[in-house]
Amino acid sequence: MRILGRLVDERFLEHRRRSTSVAGMVAAALSLLLFEFHLLVHHQYRWELFAVGVTFVAVKLAILLFYRLTD
């Protein structure tokens, strides 16, 4: 565990947290943009893309509210 302790510090964990958050936001935005693209170009509703984007937004806001109320 001493080797792992030297390789993994607070900065590493913070960078991992930030990169995961940014990746999630980009994926949600991309799914909503693809939903809109299919709607405008192909005139099709792709509900799976919409569901992924809206689920991310709902979870992000719920966690934000939870942290705000409990902190």
N, C-alpha and C. Protein backbone atom coordinates (compact mmCIF):
# COMPACT_ATOMS: atom_id res chain seq x y z
N MET A 1 0.81 -1.20 0.00
CA MET A 1 0.00 0.00 0.00
C MET A 1 0.86 1.26 0.00
N ARG A 2 2.09 1.16 0.42
CA ARG A 2 2.93 2.35 0.44
C ARG A 2 3.21 2.86 -0.97
N ILE A 3 3.37 1.93 -1.92
CA ILE A 3 3.62 2.34 -3.31
C ILE A 3 2.38 3.03 -3.86
N LEU A 4 1.23 2.46 -3.61
CA LEU A 4 -0.01 3.06 -4.08
C LEU A 4 -0.23 4.43 -3.44
N GLY A 5 0.12 4.57 -2.17
CA GLY A 5 -0.02 5.85 -1.49
C GLY A 5 0.86 6.93 -2.08
N ARG A 6 2.00 6.54 -2.60
CA ARG A 6 2.89 7.54 -3.23
C ARG A 6 2.42 7.92 -4.62
N LEU A 7 1.76 7.00 -5.30
CA LEU A 7 1.31 7.28 -6.67
C LEU A 7 -0.04 8.01 -6.71
N VAL A 8 -0.88 7.76 -5.72
CA VAL A 8 -2.22 8.34 -5.69
C VAL A 8 -2.28 9.34 -4.55
N ASP A 9 -2.40 10.61 -4.90
CA ASP A 9 -2.53 11.63 -3.88
C ASP A 9 -3.80 12.44 -4.11
N GLU A 10 -3.97 13.51 -3.36
CA GLU A 10 -5.19 14.31 -3.46
C GLU A 10 -5.34 14.95 -4.84
N ARG A 11 -4.24 15.36 -5.42
CA ARG A 11 -4.31 15.98 -6.76
C ARG A 11 -4.80 14.98 -7.80
N PHE A 12 -4.30 13.74 -7.72
CA PHE A 12 -4.75 12.71 -8.65
C PHE A 12 -6.25 12.47 -8.51
N LEU A 13 -6.73 12.35 -7.29
CA LEU A 13 -8.15 12.11 -7.07
C LEU A 13 -9.01 13.28 -7.52
N GLU A 14 -8.53 14.50 -7.32
CA GLU A 14 -9.27 15.68 -7.76
C GLU A 14 -9.30 15.76 -9.29
N HIS A 15 -8.19 15.44 -9.95
CA HIS A 15 -8.17 15.44 -11.42
C HIS A 15 -9.09 14.37 -11.97
N ARG A 16 -9.13 13.22 -11.32
CA ARG A 16 -10.03 12.15 -11.75
C ARG A 16 -11.49 12.57 -11.59
N ARG A 17 -11.81 13.23 -10.48
CA ARG A 17 -13.18 13.69 -10.25
C ARG A 17 -13.59 14.71 -11.30
N ARG A 18 -12.71 15.67 -11.56
CA ARG A 18 -13.03 16.71 -12.55
C ARG A 18 -13.17 16.13 -13.95
N SER A 19 -12.27 15.25 -14.35
CA SER A 19 -12.33 14.69 -15.70
C SER A 19 -13.59 13.84 -15.89
N THR A 20 -13.98 13.11 -14.86
CA THR A 20 -15.19 12.31 -14.94
C THR A 20 -16.42 13.21 -15.06
N SER A 21 -16.44 14.30 -14.32
CA SER A 21 -17.55 15.23 -14.39
C SER A 21 -17.66 15.86 -15.77
N VAL A 22 -16.53 16.30 -16.32
CA VAL A 22 -16.54 16.91 -17.64
C VAL A 22 -16.96 15.90 -18.70
N ALA A 23 -16.46 14.67 -18.59
CA ALA A 23 -16.83 13.63 -19.56
C ALA A 23 -18.33 13.36 -19.51
N GLY A 24 -18.92 13.33 -18.33
CA GLY A 24 -20.35 13.12 -18.21
C GLY A 24 -21.15 14.25 -18.83
N MET A 25 -20.72 15.48 -18.59
CA MET A 25 -21.43 16.64 -19.15
C MET A 25 -21.33 16.65 -20.68
N VAL A 26 -20.17 16.31 -21.22
CA VAL A 26 -20.01 16.27 -22.67
C VAL A 26 -20.87 15.17 -23.27
N ALA A 27 -20.92 14.02 -22.64
CA ALA A 27 -21.75 12.92 -23.14
C ALA A 27 -23.23 13.29 -23.12
N ALA A 28 -23.68 13.96 -22.06
CA ALA A 28 -25.08 14.38 -21.99
C ALA A 28 -25.39 15.42 -23.06
N ALA A 29 -24.51 16.39 -23.24
CA ALA A 29 -24.72 17.42 -24.27
C ALA A 29 -24.73 16.79 -25.66
N LEU A 30 -23.84 15.84 -25.89
CA LEU A 30 -23.78 15.18 -27.19
C LEU A 30 -25.05 14.39 -27.46
N SER A 31 -25.57 13.71 -26.45
CA SER A 31 -26.80 12.94 -26.67
C SER A 31 -27.97 13.86 -26.98
N LEU A 32 -28.05 15.01 -26.30
CA LEU A 32 -29.13 15.96 -26.59
C LEU A 32 -28.97 16.60 -27.97
N LEU A 33 -27.71 16.87 -28.36
CA LEU A 33 -27.48 17.41 -29.70
C LEU A 33 -27.82 16.40 -30.78
N LEU A 34 -27.49 15.14 -30.56
CA LEU A 34 -27.85 14.11 -31.53
C LEU A 34 -29.36 13.93 -31.61
N PHE A 35 -30.04 14.03 -30.47
CA PHE A 35 -31.50 13.98 -30.48
C PHE A 35 -32.07 15.09 -31.35
N GLU A 36 -31.55 16.29 -31.16
CA GLU A 36 -32.03 17.43 -31.95
C GLU A 36 -31.68 17.28 -33.43
N PHE A 37 -30.49 16.77 -33.71
CA PHE A 37 -30.09 16.54 -35.10
C PHE A 37 -31.05 15.58 -35.79
N HIS A 38 -31.34 14.45 -35.15
CA HIS A 38 -32.25 13.48 -35.75
C HIS A 38 -33.65 14.07 -35.90
N LEU A 39 -34.04 14.90 -34.98
CA LEU A 39 -35.36 15.52 -35.07
C LEU A 39 -35.43 16.52 -36.23
N LEU A 40 -34.41 17.36 -36.36
CA LEU A 40 -34.43 18.39 -37.39
C LEU A 40 -34.12 17.86 -38.79
N VAL A 41 -33.19 16.93 -38.90
CA VAL A 41 -32.76 16.45 -40.22
C VAL A 41 -33.62 15.29 -40.70
N HIS A 42 -33.82 14.31 -39.84
CA HIS A 42 -34.53 13.10 -40.25
C HIS A 42 -36.00 13.09 -39.83
N HIS A 43 -36.41 14.07 -39.06
CA HIS A 43 -37.78 14.17 -38.55
C HIS A 43 -38.18 12.91 -37.77
N GLN A 44 -37.24 12.43 -36.96
CA GLN A 44 -37.46 11.25 -36.12
C GLN A 44 -37.16 11.61 -34.67
N TYR A 45 -37.97 11.06 -33.79
CA TYR A 45 -37.69 11.19 -32.37
C TYR A 45 -36.83 10.01 -31.94
N ARG A 46 -35.65 10.26 -31.44
CA ARG A 46 -34.78 9.20 -30.92
C ARG A 46 -34.83 9.32 -29.40
N TRP A 47 -35.80 8.64 -28.80
CA TRP A 47 -36.07 8.80 -27.39
C TRP A 47 -34.94 8.30 -26.50
N GLU A 48 -34.15 7.33 -26.97
CA GLU A 48 -33.04 6.85 -26.14
C GLU A 48 -31.99 7.94 -25.94
N LEU A 49 -31.74 8.75 -26.95
CA LEU A 49 -30.80 9.85 -26.81
C LEU A 49 -31.34 10.91 -25.87
N PHE A 50 -32.61 11.21 -26.00
CA PHE A 50 -33.26 12.18 -25.12
C PHE A 50 -33.23 11.69 -23.68
N ALA A 51 -33.50 10.41 -23.48
CA ALA A 51 -33.53 9.84 -22.12
C ALA A 51 -32.16 9.92 -21.46
N VAL A 52 -31.10 9.65 -22.20
CA VAL A 52 -29.75 9.72 -21.63
C VAL A 52 -29.43 11.15 -21.21
N GLY A 53 -29.71 12.12 -22.06
CA GLY A 53 -29.42 13.52 -21.74
C GLY A 53 -30.22 14.03 -20.57
N VAL A 54 -31.52 13.75 -20.56
CA VAL A 54 -32.38 14.23 -19.48
C VAL A 54 -32.06 13.53 -18.16
N THR A 55 -31.72 12.26 -18.21
CA THR A 55 -31.34 11.55 -16.99
C THR A 55 -30.10 12.16 -16.38
N PHE A 56 -29.12 12.49 -17.20
CA PHE A 56 -27.91 13.12 -16.67
C PHE A 56 -28.24 14.46 -16.02
N VAL A 57 -29.03 15.27 -16.70
CA VAL A 57 -29.38 16.59 -16.15
C VAL A 57 -30.13 16.43 -14.84
N ALA A 58 -31.06 15.50 -14.76
CA ALA A 58 -31.85 15.30 -13.54
C ALA A 58 -30.97 14.82 -12.39
N VAL A 59 -30.09 13.88 -12.66
CA VAL A 59 -29.20 13.37 -11.60
C VAL A 59 -28.24 14.45 -11.14
N LYS A 60 -27.68 15.19 -12.07
CA LYS A 60 -26.74 16.27 -11.72
C LYS A 60 -27.42 17.31 -10.84
N LEU A 61 -28.63 17.73 -11.19
CA LEU A 61 -29.34 18.71 -10.39
C LEU A 61 -29.76 18.16 -9.03
N ALA A 62 -30.17 16.89 -8.98
CA ALA A 62 -30.56 16.28 -7.71
C ALA A 62 -29.37 16.18 -6.76
N ILE A 63 -28.22 15.78 -7.27
CA ILE A 63 -27.03 15.69 -6.42
C ILE A 63 -26.59 17.07 -5.98
N LEU A 64 -26.65 18.05 -6.87
CA LEU A 64 -26.30 19.41 -6.52
C LEU A 64 -27.19 19.93 -5.40
N LEU A 65 -28.48 19.70 -5.52
CA LEU A 65 -29.43 20.11 -4.49
C LEU A 65 -29.17 19.39 -3.17
N PHE A 66 -28.90 18.09 -3.24
CA PHE A 66 -28.60 17.31 -2.04
C PHE A 66 -27.38 17.87 -1.32
N TYR A 67 -26.30 18.11 -2.06
CA TYR A 67 -25.09 18.66 -1.45
C TYR A 67 -25.34 20.06 -0.89
N ARG A 68 -26.12 20.84 -1.57
CA ARG A 68 -26.43 22.20 -1.10
C ARG A 68 -27.21 22.19 0.21
N LEU A 69 -28.15 21.26 0.32
CA LEU A 69 -28.99 21.19 1.52
C LEU A 69 -28.28 20.53 2.70
N THR A 70 -27.37 19.61 2.43
CA THR A 70 -26.72 18.88 3.53
C THR A 70 -25.37 19.44 3.91
N ASP A 71 -24.85 20.37 3.17
CA ASP A 71 -23.51 20.90 3.46
C ASP A 71 -23.57 22.06 4.43
